[in-house]
PDB file of N, CA and C in Angstrom:
ATOM      1  N   THR A   1      -8.738  -4.968   8.652  1.00  0.00           N
ATOM      2  CA  THR A   1      -8.416  -4.347   7.380  1.00  0.00           C
ATOM      3  C   THR A   1      -9.036  -2.959   7.242  1.00  0.00           C
ATOM      4  N   LEU A   2     -10.007  -2.652   8.074  1.00  0.00           N
ATOM      5  CA  LEU A   2     -10.664  -1.357   7.977  1.00  0.00           C
ATOM      6  C   LEU A   2      -9.681  -0.210   8.180  1.00  0.00           C
ATOM      7  N   TRP A   3      -8.768  -0.378   9.133  1.00  0.00           N
ATOM      8  CA  TRP A   3      -7.786   0.669   9.400  1.00  0.00           C
ATOM      9  C   TRP A   3      -6.913   0.927   8.176  1.00  0.00           C
ATOM     10  N   TRP A   4      -6.457  -0.137   7.529  1.00  0.00           N
ATOM     11  CA  TRP A   4      -5.610   0.012   6.331  1.00  0.00           C
ATOM     12  C   TRP A   4      -6.403   0.652   5.202  1.00  0.00           C
ATOM     13  N   LYS A   5      -7.672   0.289   5.108  1.00  0.00           N
ATOM     14  CA  LYS A   5      -8.528   0.802   4.039  1.00  0.00           C
ATOM     15  C   LYS A   5      -8.733   2.309   4.158  1.00  0.00           C
ATOM     16  N   LYS A   6      -8.604   2.828   5.348  1.00  0.00           N
ATOM     17  CA  LYS A   6      -8.712   4.276   5.562  1.00  0.00           C
ATOM     18  C   LYS A   6      -7.357   4.968   5.406  1.00  0.00           C
ATOM     19  N   LEU A   7      -6.305   4.323   5.883  1.00  0.00           N
ATOM     20  CA  LEU A   7      -4.982   4.941   5.874  1.00  0.00           C
ATOM     21  C   LEU A   7      -4.393   5.057   4.469  1.00  0.00           C
ATOM     22  N   LEU A   8      -4.437   3.997   3.691  1.00  0.00           N
ATOM     23  CA  LEU A   8      -3.799   4.007   2.373  1.00  0.00           C
ATOM     24  C   LEU A   8      -4.354   5.088   1.446  1.00  0.00           C
ATOM     25  N   PRO A   9      -5.672   5.236   1.295  1.00  0.00           N
ATOM     26  CA  PRO A   9      -6.172   6.317   0.434  1.00  0.00           C
ATOM     27  C   PRO A   9      -5.798   7.709   0.951  1.00  0.00           C
ATOM     28  N   GLU A  10      -5.749   7.854   2.268  1.00  0.00           N
ATOM     29  CA  GLU A  10      -5.368   9.154   2.847  1.00  0.00           C
ATOM     30  C   GLU A  10      -3.930   9.502   2.480  1.00  0.00           C
ATOM     31  N   LEU A  11      -3.030   8.543   2.602  1.00  0.00           N
ATOM     32  CA  LEU A  11      -1.632   8.787   2.220  1.00  0.00           C
ATOM     33  C   LEU A  11      -1.518   9.082   0.724  1.00  0.00           C
ATOM     34  N   CYS A  12      -2.242   8.346  -0.095  1.00  0.00           N
ATOM     35  CA  CYS A  12      -2.208   8.587  -1.543  1.00  0.00           C
ATOM     36  C   CYS A  12      -2.722   9.978  -1.877  1.00  0.00           C
ATOM     37  N   GLN A  13      -3.756  10.408  -1.203  1.00  0.00           N
ATOM     38  CA  GLN A  13      -4.309  11.742  -1.441  1.00  0.00           C
ATOM     39  C   GLN A  13      -3.305  12.821  -1.070  1.00  0.00           C
ATOM     40  N   LYS A  14      -2.618  12.653   0.037  1.00  0.00           N
ATOM     41  CA  LYS A  14      -1.615  13.633   0.466  1.00  0.00           C
ATOM     42  C   LYS A  14      -0.462  13.693  -0.535  1.00  0.00           C
ATOM     43  N   ILE A  15      -0.096  12.559  -1.106  1.00  0.00           N
ATOM     44  CA  ILE A  15       0.980  12.537  -2.103  1.00  0.00           C
ATOM     45  C   ILE A  15       0.545  13.273  -3.366  1.00  0.00           C
ATOM     46  N   LYS A  16      -0.695  13.074  -3.774  1.00  0.00           N
ATOM     47  CA  LYS A  16      -1.211  13.738  -4.976  1.00  0.00           C
ATOM     48  C   LYS A  16      -1.237  15.252  -4.816  1.00  0.00           C
ATOM     49  N   CYS A  17      -1.452  15.711  -3.597  1.00  0.00           N
ATOM     50  CA  CYS A  17      -1.499  17.152  -3.347  1.00  0.00           C
ATOM     51  C   CYS A  17      -0.118  17.793  -3.425  1.00  0.00           C
ATOM     52  N   GLY A  18       0.917  16.974  -3.323  1.00  0.00           N
ATOM     53  CA  GLY A  18       2.274  17.495  -3.405  1.00  0.00           C
ATOM     54  C   GLY A  18       2.648  18.263  -2.151  1.00  0.00           C
ATOM     55  N   GLY A  19       3.543  19.208  -2.318  1.00  0.00           N
ATOM     56  CA  GLY A  19       3.963  20.018  -1.186  1.00  0.00           C
ATOM     57  C   GLY A  19       5.288  19.570  -0.617  1.00  0.00           C
ATOM     58  N   GLU A  20       5.688  20.262   0.411  1.00  0.00           N
ATOM     59  CA  GLU A  20       7.004  20.036   0.998  1.00  0.00           C
ATOM     60  C   GLU A  20       7.126  18.701   1.733  1.00  0.00           C
ATOM     61  N   LYS A  21       6.024  18.128   2.151  1.00  0.00           N
ATOM     62  CA  LYS A  21       6.061  16.851   2.875  1.00  0.00           C
ATOM     63  C   LYS A  21       5.801  15.660   1.952  1.00  0.00           C
ATOM     64  N   ASN A  22       5.843  15.875   0.649  1.00  0.00           N
ATOM     65  CA  ASN A  22       5.533  14.813  -0.305  1.00  0.00           C
ATOM     66  C   ASN A  22       6.438  13.597  -0.121  1.00  0.00           C
ATOM     67  N   GLN A  23       7.729  13.809   0.056  1.00  0.00           N
ATOM     68  CA  GLN A  23       8.665  12.686   0.228  1.00  0.00           C
ATOM     69  C   GLN A  23       8.372  11.922   1.517  1.00  0.00           C
ATOM     70  N   LEU A  24       7.994  12.644   2.547  1.00  0.00           N
ATOM     71  CA  LEU A  24       7.648  12.001   3.812  1.00  0.00           C
ATOM     72  C   LEU A  24       6.427  11.098   3.638  1.00  0.00           C
ATOM     73  N   TYR A  25       5.407  11.611   2.949  1.00  0.00           N
ATOM     74  CA  TYR A  25       4.204  10.816   2.716  1.00  0.00           C
ATOM     75  C   TYR A  25       4.490   9.616   1.813  1.00  0.00           C
ATOM     76  N   LEU A  26       5.321   9.804   0.800  1.00  0.00           N
ATOM     77  CA  LEU A  26       5.673   8.700  -0.098  1.00  0.00           C
ATOM     78  C   LEU A  26       6.425   7.609   0.660  1.00  0.00           C
ATOM     79  N   SER A  27       7.346   8.017   1.480  1.00  0.00           N
ATOM     80  CA  SER A  27       8.092   7.058   2.298  1.00  0.00           C
ATOM     81  C   SER A  27       7.154   6.331   3.260  1.00  0.00           C
ATOM     82  N   SER A  28       6.237   7.056   3.848  1.00  0.00           N
ATOM     83  CA  SER A  28       5.262   6.458   4.761  1.00  0.00           C
ATOM     84  C   SER A  28       4.375   5.462   4.029  1.00  0.00           C
ATOM     85  N   LEU A  29       3.967   5.810   2.816  1.00  0.00           N
ATOM     86  CA  LEU A  29       3.132   4.906   2.027  1.00  0.00           C
ATOM     87  C   LEU A  29       3.877   3.620   1.706  1.00  0.00           C
ATOM     88  N   LYS A  30       5.120   3.724   1.309  1.00  0.00           N
ATOM     89  CA  LYS A  30       5.905   2.534   0.982  1.00  0.00           C
ATOM     90  C   LYS A  30       6.092   1.637   2.194  1.00  0.00           C
ATOM     91  N   GLU A  31       6.394   2.230   3.342  1.00  0.00           N
ATOM     92  CA  GLU A  31       6.555   1.445   4.567  1.00  0.00           C
ATOM     93  C   GLU A  31       5.245   0.787   4.970  1.00  0.00           C
ATOM     94  N   THR A  32       4.158   1.528   4.849  1.00  0.00           N
ATOM     95  CA  THR A  32       2.845   0.992   5.188  1.00  0.00           C
ATOM     96  C   THR A  32       2.500  -0.183   4.289  1.00  0.00           C
ATOM     97  N   LEU A  33       2.761  -0.042   2.999  1.00  0.00           N
ATOM     98  CA  LEU A  33       2.482  -1.132   2.064  1.00  0.00           C
ATOM     99  C   LEU A  33       3.324  -2.363   2.374  1.00  0.00           C
ATOM    100  N   SER A  34       4.556  -2.147   2.791  1.00  0.00           N
ATOM    101  CA  SER A  34       5.412  -3.279   3.161  1.00  0.00           C
ATOM    102  C   SER A  34       4.830  -4.038   4.346  1.00  0.00           C
ATOM    103  N   VAL A  35       4.346  -3.307   5.332  1.00  0.00           N
ATOM    104  CA  VAL A  35       3.751  -3.942   6.507  1.00  0.00           C
ATOM    105  C   VAL A  35       2.456  -4.652   6.138  1.00  0.00           C
ATOM    106  N   VAL A  36       1.621  -3.983   5.354  1.00  0.00           N
ATOM    107  CA  VAL A  36       0.337  -4.560   4.969  1.00  0.00           C
ATOM    108  C   VAL A  36       0.544  -5.825   4.144  1.00  0.00           C
ATOM    109  N   ALA A  37       1.533  -5.821   3.258  1.00  0.00           N
ATOM    110  CA  ALA A  37       1.808  -6.987   2.424  1.00  0.00           C
ATOM    111  C   ALA A  37       2.215  -8.196   3.266  1.00  0.00           C
ATOM    112  N   VAL A  38       2.862  -7.937   4.389  1.00  0.00           N
ATOM    113  CA  VAL A  38       3.266  -9.023   5.283  1.00  0.00           C
ATOM    114  C   VAL A  38       2.088  -9.501   6.133  1.00  0.00           C
ATOM    115  N   GLU A  39       1.288  -8.573   6.593  1.00  0.00           N
ATOM    116  CA  GLU A  39       0.233  -8.885   7.558  1.00  0.00           C
ATOM    117  C   GLU A  39      -1.029  -9.489   6.956  1.00  0.00           C
ATOM    118  N   LEU A  40      -1.378  -9.078   5.739  1.00  0.00           N
ATOM    119  CA  LEU A  40      -2.661  -9.497   5.175  1.00  0.00           C
ATOM    120  C   LEU A  40      -2.506 -10.599   4.137  1.00  0.00           C
ATOM    121  N   GLU A  41      -3.561 -11.356   3.965  1.00  0.00           N
ATOM    122  CA  GLU A  41      -3.639 -12.312   2.869  1.00  0.00           C
ATOM    123  C   GLU A  41      -3.850 -11.522   1.574  1.00  0.00           C
ATOM    124  N   LEU A  42      -3.522 -12.125   0.449  1.00  0.00           N
ATOM    125  CA  LEU A  42      -3.581 -11.432  -0.835  1.00  0.00           C
ATOM    126  C   LEU A  42      -4.966 -10.830  -1.102  1.00  0.00           C
ATOM    127  N   ARG A  43      -6.016 -11.587  -0.875  1.00  0.00           N
ATOM    128  CA  ARG A  43      -7.374 -11.095  -1.131  1.00  0.00           C
ATOM    129  C   ARG A  43      -7.671  -9.847  -0.301  1.00  0.00           C
ATOM    130  N   ASP A  44      -7.290  -9.867   0.968  1.00  0.00           N
ATOM    131  CA  ASP A  44      -7.507  -8.711   1.836  1.00  0.00           C
ATOM    132  C   ASP A  44      -6.632  -7.536   1.416  1.00  0.00           C
ATOM    133  N   PHE A  45      -5.411  -7.837   1.020  1.00  0.00           N
ATOM    134  CA  PHE A  45      -4.492  -6.784   0.578  1.00  0.00           C
ATOM    135  C   PHE A  45      -5.053  -6.056  -0.639  1.00  0.00           C
ATOM    136  N   VAL A  46      -5.526  -6.802  -1.602  1.00  0.00           N
ATOM    137  CA  VAL A  46      -6.105  -6.198  -2.810  1.00  0.00           C
ATOM    138  C   VAL A  46      -7.316  -5.339  -2.444  1.00  0.00           C
ATOM    139  N   ASN A  47      -8.085  -5.774  -1.483  1.00  0.00           N
ATOM    140  CA  ASN A  47      -9.282  -5.029  -1.082  1.00  0.00           C
ATOM    141  C   ASN A  47      -8.984  -3.713  -0.381  1.00  0.00           C
ATOM    142  N   VAL A  48      -7.808  -3.568   0.211  1.00  0.00           N
ATOM    143  CA  VAL A  48      -7.498  -2.310   0.899  1.00  0.00           C
ATOM    144  C   VAL A  48      -6.775  -1.308   0.000  1.00  0.00           C
ATOM    145  N   LEU A  49      -6.359  -1.742  -1.177  1.00  0.00           N
ATOM    146  CA  LEU A  49      -5.674  -0.813  -2.075  1.00  0.00           C
ATOM    147  C   LEU A  49      -6.639   0.252  -2.595  1.00  0.00           C
ATOM    148  N   PRO A  50      -6.154   1.481  -2.724  1.00  0.00           N
ATOM    149  CA  PRO A  50      -7.011   2.544  -3.257  1.00  0.00           C
ATOM    150  C   PRO A  50      -7.436   2.231  -4.688  1.00  0.00           C
ATOM    151  N   GLU A  51      -8.658   2.548  -5.018  1.00  0.00           N
ATOM    152  CA  GLU A  51      -9.188   2.250  -6.353  1.00  0.00           C
ATOM    153  C   GLU A  51      -8.545   3.099  -7.434  1.00  0.00           C
ATOM    154  N   ASP A  52      -8.071   4.272  -7.087  1.00  0.00           N
ATOM    155  CA  ASP A  52      -7.510   5.170  -8.094  1.00  0.00           C
ATOM    156  C   ASP A  52      -5.981   5.139  -8.126  1.00  0.00           C
ATOM    157  N   GLY A  53      -5.388   4.080  -7.562  1.00  0.00           N
ATOM    158  CA  GLY A  53      -3.937   3.975  -7.536  1.00  0.00           C
ATOM    159  C   GLY A  53      -3.366   3.485  -8.853  1.00  0.00           C
ATOM    160  N   THR A  54      -2.076   3.702  -9.029  1.00  0.00           N
ATOM    161  CA  THR A  54      -1.361   3.242 -10.213  1.00  0.00           C
ATOM    162  C   THR A  54      -0.878   1.815  -9.972  1.00  0.00           C
ATOM    163  N   ALA A  55      -1.288   0.914 -10.823  1.00  0.00           N
ATOM    164  CA  ALA A  55      -0.969  -0.502 -10.640  1.00  0.00           C
ATOM    165  C   ALA A  55       0.540  -0.742 -10.576  1.00  0.00           C
ATOM    166  N   ALA A  56       1.301  -0.040 -11.395  1.00  0.00           N
ATOM    167  CA  ALA A  56       2.754  -0.244 -11.428  1.00  0.00           C
ATOM    168  C   ALA A  56       3.394   0.073 -10.079  1.00  0.00           C
ATOM    169  N   PHE A  57       2.851   1.038  -9.362  1.00  0.00           N
ATOM    170  CA  PHE A  57       3.401   1.392  -8.053  1.00  0.00           C
ATOM    171  C   PHE A  57       3.143   0.283  -7.035  1.00  0.00           C
ATOM    172  N   PHE A  58       1.948  -0.298  -7.063  1.00  0.00           N
ATOM    173  CA  PHE A  58       1.556  -1.298  -6.086  1.00  0.00           C
ATOM    174  C   PHE A  58       2.010  -2.710  -6.450  1.00  0.00           C
ATOM    175  N   LEU A  59       2.411  -2.926  -7.680  1.00  0.00           N
ATOM    176  CA  LEU A  59       2.758  -4.264  -8.158  1.00  0.00           C
ATOM    177  C   LEU A  59       3.819  -4.978  -7.326  1.00  0.00           C
ATOM    178  N   PRO A  60       4.925  -4.341  -6.938  1.00  0.00           N
ATOM    179  CA  PRO A  60       5.910  -5.074  -6.127  1.00  0.00           C
ATOM    180  C   PRO A  60       5.340  -5.579  -4.797  1.00  0.00           C
ATOM    181  N   TYR A  61       4.456  -4.801  -4.195  1.00  0.00           N
ATOM    182  CA  TYR A  61       3.853  -5.202  -2.929  1.00  0.00           C
ATOM    183  C   TYR A  61       2.851  -6.338  -3.140  1.00  0.00           C
ATOM    184  N   LEU A  62       2.110  -6.266  -4.235  1.00  0.00           N
ATOM    185  CA  LEU A  62       1.193  -7.355  -4.581  1.00  0.00           C
ATOM    186  C   LEU A  62       1.963  -8.641  -4.843  1.00  0.00           C
ATOM    187  N   LEU A  63       3.057  -8.522  -5.564  1.00  0.00           N
ATOM    188  CA  LEU A  63       3.887  -9.682  -5.880  1.00  0.00           C
ATOM    189  C   LEU A  63       4.428 -10.324  -4.605  1.00  0.00           C
ATOM    190  N   TYR A  64       4.948  -9.494  -3.703  1.00  0.00           N
ATOM    191  CA  TYR A  64       5.467 -10.042  -2.448  1.00  0.00           C
ATOM    192  C   TYR A  64       4.359 -10.723  -1.659  1.00  0.00           C
ATOM    193  N   CYS A  65       3.224 -10.064  -1.571  1.00  0.00           N
ATOM    194  CA  CYS A  65       2.098 -10.624  -0.813  1.00  0.00           C
ATOM    195  C   CYS A  65       1.656 -11.966  -1.402  1.00  0.00           C
ATOM    196  N   SER A  66       1.664 -12.084  -2.708  1.00  0.00           N
ATOM    197  CA  SER A  66       1.239 -13.324  -3.334  1.00  0.00           C
ATOM    198  C   SER A  66       2.281 -14.438  -3.188  1.00  0.00           C
ATOM    199  N   GLN A  67       3.535 -14.070  -3.037  1.00  0.00           N
ATOM    200  CA  GLN A  67       4.592 -15.075  -2.952  1.00  0.00           C
ATOM    201  C   GLN A  67       4.995 -15.435  -1.528  1.00  0.00           C
ATOM    202  N   LYS A  68       4.511 -14.715  -0.551  1.00  0.00           N
ATOM    203  CA  LYS A  68       4.999 -14.929   0.814  1.00  0.00           C
ATOM    204  C   LYS A  68       4.701 -16.323   1.350  1.00  0.00           C
ATOM    205  N   LYS A  69       3.620 -16.939   0.933  1.00  0.00           N
ATOM    206  CA  LYS A  69       3.322 -18.300   1.397  1.00  0.00           C
ATOM    207  C   LYS A  69       4.350 -19.292   0.860  1.00  0.00           C
ATOM    208  N   SER A  70       4.809 -19.079  -0.356  1.00  0.00           N
ATOM    209  CA  SER A  70       5.802 -19.995  -0.917  1.00  0.00           C
ATOM    210  C   SER A  70       7.182 -19.773  -0.305  1.00  0.00           C
ATOM    211  N   LEU A  71       7.393 -18.600   0.310  1.00  0.00           N
ATOM    212  CA  LEU A  71       8.677 -18.314   0.950  1.00  0.00           C
ATOM    213  C   LEU A  71       8.794 -18.947   2.324  1.00  0.00           C
ATOM    214  N   THR A  72       7.660 -19.265   2.936  1.00  0.00           N
ATOM    215  CA  THR A  72       7.706 -19.824   4.298  1.00  0.00           C
ATOM    216  C   THR A  72       7.660 -21.316   4.328  1.00  0.00           C
TER     217      THR A  72
END
């Protein structure tokens, strides 16, 4: 989880800075969150989320991560 804990805040910071690559970083963040939601348990997933993130943005990934056990 250490790798995710470093990557997610970095992507969020790049998005906050804006610029011409903002859409690329946003797309990368969404894809990364999709992978992390599949790979990690809910407790670990919550621990790697950036502390200054917007809950509404992360909510769909949290929801999927919490429901994945019931889907299998």
